[in-house]
């Protein structure tokens, strides 16, 4: 029995029931549709029921109208399903404008039920889409054997480790689903191995691995390896794990991570992460050496953000302001470093601006030392 979830606005219930009837009558298939016909009260009960149904579904059919696109419930359903790696099938019942259509849905293959003359062809196309999804989830005998072997040898790491490795090399999509199943198998070491394999195999696009990676980092299970995987996901999906793992990882890992982010995170996310780092580093002198190494490593990209925070007119604690100046001083006066990047443009002008406009230097000698260093 293959379950499909139907997401719709209440006013489109008749068409939703028509879709349900069509899907469940497809010959030679055992399809079942989950539809909120009676209604579920809002709140935790609604969310639990929806989440459970989507988790059990192979895919989600979204009935699209301009009104449905404005519905927070419909939006939650398809976006949650998308985050879970479920296949989304948008059915256009009433054509929305380009501005009304969500870009995430616009990127998908949509079926149009906006006029009677198109309907017959689109019903056939829907049947084909459902068949493709089902076939992707049908487990071939070879994968079934490996799956069972893991459960039969759940406490033999050598056996299930080899099975996870072999599944990682299978092109069939069912291998992904079996790895996802192992992430929740209850054995921490198996969960971590399956999680890492799943993330790599899905090329860091399926978000189901992220909560398990976070759990592994929290429990010190191959912590650094899991953190390396997390930062390969889109920054908007991994920033929370980055922040949570800040005090649990060695400094060189954070330097690697911020380097990685510099190339792909938005300015807003970079600033959000850097702000967290600044607040923690500047309040704890034990982190000074780590912070300085990060500043040296990132050079201009990180320096610009640092100075932006240091010269901002917000109400930062004085210890933070002193920390900023001391950190820059430590970098540019480091006699053990051969790097002179801070004497080159644009770094030199950025630091000069800080010297000229920033009044919270701890002493004139500190300020003079920085001025001398950047002047060569």
Protein backbone atom coordinates (compact mmCIF):
# COMPACT_ATOMS: atom_id res chain seq x y z
CA UNK A 1 0.00 0.00 0.00
CA UNK A 2 1.48 3.34 -1.09
CA UNK A 3 0.27 6.48 0.69
CA UNK A 4 0.04 9.93 -0.91
CA UNK A 5 -0.80 13.13 0.96
CA UNK A 6 -3.20 15.68 -0.61
CA UNK A 7 -2.70 19.30 0.42
CA UNK A 8 -5.52 21.71 -0.43
CA UNK A 9 -7.45 24.79 0.64
CA UNK A 10 -10.80 24.00 2.23
CA UNK A 11 -12.76 25.67 -0.59
CA UNK A 12 -11.20 23.18 -3.06
CA UNK A 13 -12.36 20.10 -1.16
CA UNK A 14 -14.50 18.80 -4.04
CA UNK A 15 -11.55 18.70 -6.41
CA UNK A 16 -9.38 17.20 -3.65
CA UNK A 17 -11.90 14.37 -3.26
CA UNK A 18 -11.96 13.92 -7.03
CA UNK A 19 -8.17 13.53 -7.02
CA UNK A 20 -8.39 11.08 -4.14
CA UNK A 21 -11.00 8.99 -5.95
CA UNK A 22 -8.93 8.94 -9.16
CA UNK A 23 -5.70 7.93 -7.42
CA UNK A 24 -7.27 5.15 -5.37
CA UNK A 25 -8.97 3.70 -8.48
CA UNK A 26 -5.80 3.43 -10.59
CA UNK A 27 -5.71 -0.21 -11.75
CA UNK A 28 -3.01 -2.63 -10.61
CA UNK A 29 -1.89 -0.25 -7.90
CA UNK A 30 -2.65 -0.14 -4.20
CA UNK A 31 -2.72 3.60 -3.63
CA UNK A 32 -4.23 5.32 -0.62
CA UNK A 33 -4.64 9.08 -0.20
CA UNK A 34 -4.48 10.92 3.12
CA UNK A 35 -6.83 13.88 3.11
CA UNK A 36 -7.97 16.11 5.97
CA UNK A 37 -11.64 15.73 5.16
CA UNK A 38 -13.09 16.15 8.60
CA UNK A 39 -10.63 18.80 9.71
CA UNK A 40 -8.14 18.81 12.52
CA UNK A 41 -8.03 21.48 15.18
CA UNK A 42 -5.08 23.85 14.93
CA UNK A 43 -2.14 23.60 17.28
CA UNK A 44 0.03 20.70 18.34
CA UNK A 45 -2.61 18.09 17.48
CA UNK A 46 -2.86 19.38 13.91
CA UNK A 47 0.91 19.54 13.47
CA UNK A 48 1.46 16.03 14.85
CA UNK A 49 -1.21 14.55 12.58
CA UNK A 50 0.08 16.37 9.49
CA UNK A 51 3.74 15.54 10.20
CA UNK A 52 2.92 11.89 10.77
CA UNK A 53 0.88 11.59 7.56
CA UNK A 54 3.56 13.32 5.46
CA UNK A 55 6.29 11.16 6.99
CA UNK A 56 4.39 8.04 5.97
CA UNK A 57 3.62 9.29 2.46
CA UNK A 58 5.66 8.65 -0.65
CA UNK A 59 4.75 12.07 -2.03
CA UNK A 60 2.43 15.03 -1.68
CA UNK A 61 -0.13 16.28 -4.19
CA UNK A 62 -0.63 20.05 -3.82
CA UNK A 63 -3.79 21.60 -5.26
CA UNK A 64 -2.66 25.07 -6.30
CA UNK A 65 -4.83 28.16 -6.45
CA UNK A 66 -3.97 31.78 -5.56
CA UNK A 67 -5.87 31.31 -2.29
CA UNK A 68 -4.06 28.06 -1.48
CA UNK A 69 -0.69 29.75 -1.98
CA UNK A 70 -1.65 32.27 0.71
CA UNK A 71 -2.67 29.57 3.18
CA UNK A 72 -0.12 29.03 5.98
CA UNK A 73 -1.41 25.47 6.38
CA UNK A 74 -0.92 24.49 2.74
CA UNK A 75 2.48 26.20 2.68
CA UNK A 76 3.54 24.36 5.83
CA UNK A 77 2.49 21.00 4.37
CA UNK A 78 4.36 21.19 1.07
CA UNK A 79 7.43 22.93 2.53
CA UNK A 80 7.68 20.37 5.36
CA UNK A 81 7.35 17.56 2.80
CA UNK A 82 10.02 19.16 0.61
CA UNK A 83 12.37 19.38 3.57
CA UNK A 84 11.78 15.69 4.20
CA UNK A 85 12.84 14.89 0.65
CA UNK A 86 9.32 13.95 -0.48
CA UNK A 87 8.27 14.33 -4.11
CA UNK A 88 5.89 17.26 -4.65
CA UNK A 89 3.27 17.18 -7.44
CA UNK A 90 1.58 20.59 -7.91
CA UNK A 91 -1.84 20.48 -9.61
CA UNK A 92 -2.81 23.93 -10.92
CA UNK A 93 -6.56 24.28 -10.43
CA UNK A 94 -6.68 28.07 -10.79
CA UNK A 95 -3.70 29.72 -12.45
CA UNK A 96 -1.84 32.06 -10.06
CA UNK A 97 0.17 35.03 -11.29
CA UNK A 98 3.96 34.80 -11.49
CA UNK A 99 4.19 36.90 -8.32
CA UNK A 100 1.75 34.63 -6.47
CA UNK A 101 3.49 31.38 -7.39
CA UNK A 102 6.11 30.35 -4.87
CA UNK A 103 9.51 29.96 -6.59
CA UNK A 104 10.08 26.58 -4.93
CA UNK A 105 6.88 25.26 -6.57
CA UNK A 106 7.60 27.05 -9.80
CA UNK A 107 10.76 24.97 -10.21
CA UNK A 108 8.74 21.74 -10.16
CA UNK A 109 6.91 19.94 -12.94
CA UNK A 110 3.31 21.15 -12.61
CA UNK A 111 0.11 19.66 -14.03
CA UNK A 112 -2.65 21.96 -15.24
CA UNK A 113 -6.30 21.26 -14.44
CA UNK A 114 -7.42 24.76 -15.34
CA UNK A 115 -9.68 23.71 -18.24
CA UNK A 116 -11.71 20.67 -19.23
CA UNK A 117 -9.89 20.09 -22.52
CA UNK A 118 -6.60 19.54 -20.70
CA UNK A 119 -7.92 17.35 -17.93
CA UNK A 120 -7.79 13.93 -19.60
CA UNK A 121 -4.15 14.36 -20.56
CA UNK A 122 -3.27 15.66 -17.09
CA UNK A 123 -4.96 12.74 -15.31
CA UNK A 124 -2.77 10.40 -17.35
CA UNK A 125 0.28 12.51 -16.47
CA UNK A 126 -0.63 12.32 -12.78
CA UNK A 127 -0.88 8.53 -12.95
CA UNK A 128 2.55 8.41 -14.59
CA UNK A 129 4.07 10.66 -11.89
CA UNK A 130 2.64 8.47 -9.12
CA UNK A 131 3.98 5.33 -10.82
CA UNK A 132 7.47 6.84 -11.06
CA UNK A 133 7.44 7.75 -7.38
CA UNK A 134 6.25 4.28 -6.37
CA UNK A 135 8.86 2.54 -8.48
CA UNK A 136 11.57 4.68 -6.87
CA UNK A 137 10.49 3.44 -3.44
CA UNK A 138 10.03 -0.22 -4.30
CA UNK A 139 12.99 -2.02 -2.76
CA UNK A 140 14.80 -4.41 -5.12
CA UNK A 141 15.58 -7.88 -3.70
CA UNK A 142 19.31 -7.13 -3.44
CA UNK A 143 18.66 -4.09 -1.24
CA UNK A 144 16.10 -6.00 0.81
CA UNK A 145 18.74 -8.65 1.55
CA UNK A 146 21.23 -5.99 2.71
CA UNK A 147 18.59 -4.29 4.83
CA UNK A 148 17.69 -7.54 6.58
CA UNK A 149 21.35 -8.41 7.07
CA UNK A 150 21.88 -5.17 8.98
CA UNK A 151 19.00 -5.92 11.36
CA UNK A 152 20.14 -9.54 11.79
CA UNK A 153 23.63 -8.30 12.73
CA UNK A 154 22.71 -5.05 14.47
CA UNK A 155 25.51 -5.41 17.06
CA UNK A 156 28.17 -6.44 14.58
CA UNK A 157 29.66 -3.16 13.36
CA UNK A 158 31.83 -4.86 10.77
CA UNK A 159 28.81 -6.43 9.06
CA UNK A 160 26.46 -3.45 9.07
CA UNK A 161 29.34 -1.10 8.25
CA UNK A 162 29.96 -3.01 5.05
CA UNK A 163 26.25 -2.99 4.21
CA UNK A 164 26.05 0.80 4.69
CA UNK A 165 29.10 1.24 2.48
CA UNK A 166 27.59 -0.99 -0.23
CA UNK A 167 24.23 0.80 -0.10
CA UNK A 168 26.07 4.09 -0.59
CA UNK A 169 27.25 2.89 -3.98
CA UNK A 170 23.79 1.80 -5.21
CA UNK A 171 22.16 4.14 -7.72
CA UNK A 172 18.63 2.95 -6.96
CA UNK A 173 16.68 5.56 -4.92
CA UNK A 174 15.46 2.82 -2.57
CA UNK A 175 19.01 2.68 -1.21
CA UNK A 176 18.57 6.26 0.02
CA UNK A 177 15.37 5.34 1.83
CA UNK A 178 16.98 2.36 3.54
CA UNK A 179 19.88 4.54 4.70
CA UNK A 180 17.32 7.06 6.00
CA UNK A 181 15.63 4.22 7.87
CA UNK A 182 18.95 3.23 9.48
CA UNK A 183 19.42 6.80 10.76
CA UNK A 184 16.49 6.14 13.10
CA UNK A 185 17.40 2.54 13.93
CA UNK A 186 18.14 3.26 17.60
CA UNK A 187 21.82 2.25 17.55
CA UNK A 188 23.89 5.49 17.77
CA UNK A 189 26.92 4.22 15.87
CA UNK A 190 24.77 2.85 13.02
CA UNK A 191 22.75 6.06 12.95
CA UNK A 192 25.89 8.17 12.50
CA UNK A 193 27.35 5.99 9.75
CA UNK A 194 24.03 5.87 7.88
CA UNK A 195 23.57 9.61 8.35
CA UNK A 196 26.96 10.50 6.87
CA UNK A 197 26.45 8.06 3.99
CA UNK A 198 22.93 9.40 3.33
CA UNK A 199 24.11 13.04 3.30
CA UNK A 200 26.88 12.31 0.83
CA UNK A 201 24.70 10.12 -1.36
CA UNK A 202 21.96 12.74 -1.62
CA UNK A 203 24.60 15.42 -2.26
CA UNK A 204 23.55 17.45 0.79
CA UNK A 205 20.11 18.27 -0.58
CA UNK A 206 17.91 16.04 1.60
CA UNK A 207 17.49 17.72 4.98
CA UNK A 208 16.46 14.56 6.85
CA UNK A 209 20.07 14.00 7.90
CA UNK A 210 20.56 17.31 9.72
CA UNK A 211 18.78 16.48 13.04
CA UNK A 212 20.76 13.24 13.31
CA UNK A 213 24.03 15.06 12.59
CA UNK A 214 23.20 17.54 15.34
CA UNK A 215 22.48 14.70 17.74
CA UNK A 216 25.79 13.01 16.88
CA UNK A 217 27.71 16.25 17.51
CA UNK A 218 25.95 16.72 20.86
CA UNK A 219 26.80 13.17 21.91
CA UNK A 220 30.44 13.38 20.71
CA UNK A 221 29.99 10.66 18.09
CA UNK A 222 32.54 11.34 15.33
CA UNK A 223 31.85 15.00 16.12
CA UNK A 224 34.26 16.60 13.68
CA UNK A 225 33.25 14.34 10.78
CA UNK A 226 29.58 15.19 11.33
CA UNK A 227 30.32 18.92 11.54
CA UNK A 228 32.21 18.68 8.24
CA UNK A 229 29.08 17.18 6.68
CA UNK A 230 26.71 19.77 8.17
CA UNK A 231 28.47 22.76 6.62
CA UNK A 232 28.09 21.27 3.14
CA UNK A 233 24.33 21.77 3.40
CA UNK A 234 22.89 25.14 2.36
CA UNK A 235 23.89 27.71 5.03
CA UNK A 236 20.28 28.62 5.79
CA UNK A 237 19.70 24.99 6.81
CA UNK A 238 22.93 24.46 8.76
CA UNK A 239 23.47 27.69 10.70
CA UNK A 240 21.62 26.49 13.79
CA UNK A 241 23.83 23.41 14.02
CA UNK A 242 26.91 25.57 13.46
CA UNK A 243 25.97 27.81 16.36
CA UNK A 244 25.00 24.90 18.62
CA UNK A 245 28.30 23.14 17.96
CA UNK A 246 30.45 26.26 18.47
CA UNK A 247 31.88 25.29 21.88
CA UNK A 248 32.09 21.61 21.01
CA UNK A 249 34.55 21.81 18.11
CA UNK A 250 38.24 22.74 17.98
CA UNK A 251 39.09 26.18 16.59
CA UNK A 252 40.63 24.91 13.34
CA UNK A 253 37.28 23.36 12.42
CA UNK A 254 35.49 26.68 12.82
CA UNK A 255 38.08 28.36 10.64
CA UNK A 256 37.50 25.75 7.94
CA UNK A 257 33.74 26.18 8.27
CA UNK A 258 33.75 29.96 8.00
CA UNK A 259 36.04 29.70 4.97
CA UNK A 260 33.48 27.40 3.41
CA UNK A 261 30.66 29.79 4.22
CA UNK A 262 32.46 32.81 2.78
CA UNK A 263 31.97 31.32 -0.65
CA UNK A 264 28.31 30.34 -0.38
CA UNK A 265 26.49 31.97 2.55
CA UNK A 266 24.56 35.19 2.21
CA UNK A 267 25.94 38.28 3.93
CA UNK A 268 23.09 38.08 6.43
CA UNK A 269 23.98 34.54 7.48
CA UNK A 270 27.69 35.28 7.64
CA UNK A 271 27.01 38.24 9.89
CA UNK A 272 24.67 36.18 12.03
CA UNK A 273 27.33 33.54 12.58
CA UNK A 274 30.15 36.05 13.05
CA UNK A 275 28.07 37.97 15.58
CA UNK A 276 27.66 34.83 17.62
CA UNK A 277 31.41 34.19 17.45
CA UNK A 278 32.26 37.78 18.42
CA UNK A 279 29.95 37.75 21.41
CA UNK A 280 31.40 34.51 22.72
CA UNK A 281 35.04 35.28 21.99
CA UNK A 282 35.09 38.81 23.34
CA UNK A 283 33.51 37.85 26.65
CA UNK A 284 36.03 35.10 27.25
CA UNK A 285 39.72 35.92 26.94
CA UNK A 286 40.51 32.21 26.70
CA UNK A 287 39.10 32.35 23.18
CA UNK A 288 41.35 35.26 22.10
CA UNK A 289 44.02 33.09 20.48
CA UNK A 290 41.37 31.20 18.53
CA UNK A 291 39.75 34.41 17.37
CA UNK A 292 43.06 35.88 16.24
CA UNK A 293 43.84 32.75 14.23
CA UNK A 294 40.45 33.07 12.56
CA UNK A 295 41.08 36.70 11.73
CA UNK A 296 44.51 35.87 10.29
CA UNK A 297 43.04 33.03 8.28
CA UNK A 298 40.09 34.92 6.81
CA UNK A 299 41.95 38.18 6.44
CA UNK A 300 39.96 40.87 4.61
CA UNK A 301 36.63 39.05 4.37
CA UNK A 302 36.43 38.60 8.13
CA UNK A 303 38.12 41.91 8.96
CA UNK A 304 35.40 43.88 7.16
CA UNK A 305 32.74 42.21 9.26
CA UNK A 306 34.71 42.70 12.45
CA UNK A 307 35.18 46.41 11.85
CA UNK A 308 31.53 46.77 10.87
CA UNK A 309 30.56 45.42 14.27
CA UNK A 310 33.21 47.41 16.12
CA UNK A 311 32.18 50.76 14.64
CA UNK A 312 28.44 50.16 14.78
CA UNK A 313 26.55 52.56 17.03
CA UNK A 314 24.71 49.82 18.87
CA UNK A 315 25.04 49.35 22.60
CA UNK A 316 27.79 46.76 22.77
CA UNK A 317 29.48 46.01 26.06
CA UNK A 318 32.77 47.84 26.61
CA UNK A 319 34.57 44.50 27.01
CA UNK A 320 33.48 43.62 23.51
CA UNK A 321 34.86 46.88 22.11
CA UNK A 322 38.18 46.40 23.88
CA UNK A 323 38.27 42.84 22.66
CA UNK A 324 37.95 43.97 19.06
CA UNK A 325 40.87 46.36 19.30
CA UNK A 326 43.05 43.90 21.17
CA UNK A 327 42.34 41.20 18.58
CA UNK A 328 43.38 43.46 15.70
CA UNK A 329 46.42 44.58 17.65
CA UNK A 330 47.45 40.96 18.28
CA UNK A 331 47.14 40.14 14.58
CA UNK A 332 49.03 43.06 13.08
CA UNK A 333 51.83 43.03 15.67
CA UNK A 334 52.41 39.27 15.59
CA UNK A 335 56.18 38.94 15.13
CA UNK A 336 55.87 35.19 14.54
CA UNK A 337 53.84 35.67 11.38
CA UNK A 338 55.33 36.47 7.98
CA UNK A 339 51.98 37.65 6.65
CA UNK A 340 51.64 41.36 5.88
CA UNK A 341 48.19 41.27 4.30
CA UNK A 342 46.97 44.05 6.61
CA UNK A 343 49.39 46.49 4.94
CA UNK A 344 47.76 45.92 1.55
CA UNK A 345 44.55 47.42 0.27
CA UNK A 346 41.72 47.19 1.12
CA UNK A 347 42.73 45.82 4.55
CA UNK A 348 44.97 48.80 5.32
CA UNK A 349 42.20 51.33 4.67
CA UNK A 350 39.71 49.30 6.70
CA UNK A 351 42.00 49.27 9.74
CA UNK A 352 42.87 52.92 9.24
CA UNK A 353 39.18 53.76 9.30
CA UNK A 354 38.90 51.90 12.58
CA UNK A 355 41.85 53.84 14.02
CA UNK A 356 40.38 57.18 12.93
CA UNK A 357 36.78 56.64 13.94
CA UNK A 358 36.88 54.24 16.84
CA UNK A 359 37.45 55.94 20.19
CA UNK A 360 37.48 52.93 22.51
CA UNK A 361 41.18 52.07 22.24
CA UNK A 362 42.43 50.93 25.61
CA UNK A 363 45.52 53.14 25.35
CA UNK A 364 47.35 55.43 22.98
CA UNK A 365 50.25 53.00 22.86
CA UNK A 366 47.94 50.24 21.61
CA UNK A 367 46.58 52.53 18.92
CA UNK A 368 50.08 53.68 17.94
CA UNK A 369 51.32 50.10 17.64
CA UNK A 370 48.54 49.26 15.18
CA UNK A 371 49.16 52.44 13.21
CA UNK A 372 52.87 51.63 12.98
CA UNK A 373 52.19 48.02 11.92
CA UNK A 374 49.91 48.89 9.01
CA UNK A 375 52.24 51.68 7.87
CA UNK A 376 55.15 49.29 7.56
